[in-house]
Amino acid sequence: MPRPHRFRDVIRIGPVQVGTHNDHRGREKHTAACTAPRCGFSADYPDRSAAELAARTHRCT
């Protein structure tokens, strides 16, 4: 069973949280995930600025 991600440097931009973690190969990844009910948006990005841009431009449907 895979180990859960340990997020650090977590910030909140509107309903979206952006956090940094290391993947199973030791590479640094940045995740943007919406916390609104029934939204389901989440994505991994190679750099922090891309994840923050996705958080700023995200609109729940």
C-alpha atoms as a PDB file:
ATOM      1  CA  MET A   1       0.000   0.000   0.000  1.00  0.00           C
ATOM      2  CA  PRO A   2       1.483   3.379  -0.995  1.00  0.00           C
ATOM      3  CA  ARG A   3       2.451   5.868   1.640  1.00  0.00           C
ATOM      4  CA  PRO A   4       0.306   9.052   1.762  1.00  0.00           C
ATOM      5  CA  HIS A   5       1.839  12.336   0.626  1.00  0.00           C
ATOM      6  CA  ARG A   6       3.250  14.651   3.297  1.00  0.00           C
ATOM      7  CA  PHE A   7       2.452  18.164   2.125  1.00  0.00           C
ATOM      8  CA  ARG A   8       4.460  21.206   3.163  1.00  0.00           C
ATOM      9  CA  ASP A   9       4.206  24.910   2.308  1.00  0.00           C
ATOM     10  CA  VAL A  10       0.429  24.656   2.001  1.00  0.00           C
ATOM     11  CA  ILE A  11      -1.407  27.850   1.051  1.00  0.00           C
ATOM     12  CA  ARG A  12      -5.036  28.543   0.240  1.00  0.00           C
ATOM     13  CA  ILE A  13      -6.143  30.626  -2.760  1.00  0.00           C
ATOM     14  CA  GLY A  14      -9.925  30.879  -2.684  1.00  0.00           C
ATOM     15  CA  PRO A  15     -11.324  27.343  -2.406  1.00  0.00           C
ATOM     16  CA  VAL A  16      -8.102  25.803  -3.800  1.00  0.00           C
ATOM     17  CA  GLN A  17      -5.217  24.586  -1.651  1.00  0.00           C
ATOM     18  CA  VAL A  18      -1.693  24.418  -3.086  1.00  0.00           C
ATOM     19  CA  GLY A  19       0.923  22.200  -1.454  1.00  0.00           C
ATOM     20  CA  THR A  20       4.370  20.773  -2.156  1.00  0.00           C
ATOM     21  CA  HIS A  21       5.360  17.118  -1.720  1.00  0.00           C
ATOM     22  CA  ASN A  22       7.909  14.573  -2.935  1.00  0.00           C
ATOM     23  CA  ASP A  23       6.678  11.792  -5.204  1.00  0.00           C
ATOM     24  CA  HIS A  24       7.738   8.145  -4.855  1.00  0.00           C
ATOM     25  CA  ARG A  25      10.907   8.833  -6.886  1.00  0.00           C
ATOM     26  CA  GLY A  26      12.002  11.727  -4.676  1.00  0.00           C
ATOM     27  CA  ARG A  27      11.073  14.466  -7.153  1.00  0.00           C
ATOM     28  CA  GLU A  28       9.382  17.592  -5.859  1.00  0.00           C
ATOM     29  CA  LYS A  29       5.788  18.020  -7.076  1.00  0.00           C
ATOM     30  CA  HIS A  30       3.239  20.761  -6.478  1.00  0.00           C
ATOM     31  CA  THR A  31      -0.451  19.978  -6.191  1.00  0.00           C
ATOM     32  CA  ALA A  32      -3.489  22.229  -6.548  1.00  0.00           C
ATOM     33  CA  ALA A  33      -6.749  20.772  -5.176  1.00  0.00           C
ATOM     34  CA  CYS A  34     -10.177  22.376  -4.818  1.00  0.00           C
ATOM     35  CA  THR A  35     -11.901  21.873  -1.459  1.00  0.00           C
ATOM     36  CA  ALA A  36     -15.395  22.881  -2.604  1.00  0.00           C
ATOM     37  CA  PRO A  37     -18.089  20.185  -2.274  1.00  0.00           C
ATOM     38  CA  ARG A  38     -18.556  18.042  -5.412  1.00  0.00           C
ATOM     39  CA  CYS A  39     -15.861  19.898  -7.394  1.00  0.00           C
ATOM     40  CA  GLY A  40     -13.167  17.221  -7.704  1.00  0.00           C
ATOM     41  CA  PHE A  41     -10.443  19.423  -9.251  1.00  0.00           C
ATOM     42  CA  SER A  42      -6.868  18.427  -8.462  1.00  0.00           C
ATOM     43  CA  ALA A  43      -3.680  18.412 -10.516  1.00  0.00           C
ATOM     44  CA  ASP A  44       0.079  17.942 -10.081  1.00  0.00           C
ATOM     45  CA  TYR A  45       2.532  20.435 -11.563  1.00  0.00           C
ATOM     46  CA  PRO A  46       6.333  20.417 -11.909  1.00  0.00           C
ATOM     47  CA  ASP A  47       6.725  23.938 -10.482  1.00  0.00           C
ATOM     48  CA  ARG A  48       5.031  25.991  -7.803  1.00  0.00           C
ATOM     49  CA  SER A  49       4.112  28.948 -10.030  1.00  0.00           C
ATOM     50  CA  ALA A  50       2.064  26.710 -12.343  1.00  0.00           C
ATOM     51  CA  ALA A  51       0.125  25.268  -9.404  1.00  0.00           C
ATOM     52  CA  GLU A  52      -0.577  28.748  -8.009  1.00  0.00           C
ATOM     53  CA  LEU A  53      -1.705  29.986 -11.432  1.00  0.00           C
ATOM     54  CA  ALA A  54      -4.098  27.035 -11.723  1.00  0.00           C
ATOM     55  CA  ALA A  55      -5.458  27.883  -8.255  1.00  0.00           C
ATOM     56  CA  ARG A  56      -6.016  31.534  -9.167  1.00  0.00           C
ATOM     57  CA  THR A  57      -7.785  30.747 -12.464  1.00  0.00           C
ATOM     58  CA  HIS A  58      -9.873  27.757 -11.267  1.00  0.00           C
ATOM     59  CA  ARG A  59     -13.648  28.141 -11.448  1.00  0.00           C
ATOM     60  CA  CYS A  60     -15.934  25.476 -10.011  1.00  0.00           C
ATOM     61  CA  THR A  61     -18.720  24.352 -12.314  1.00  0.00           C
END
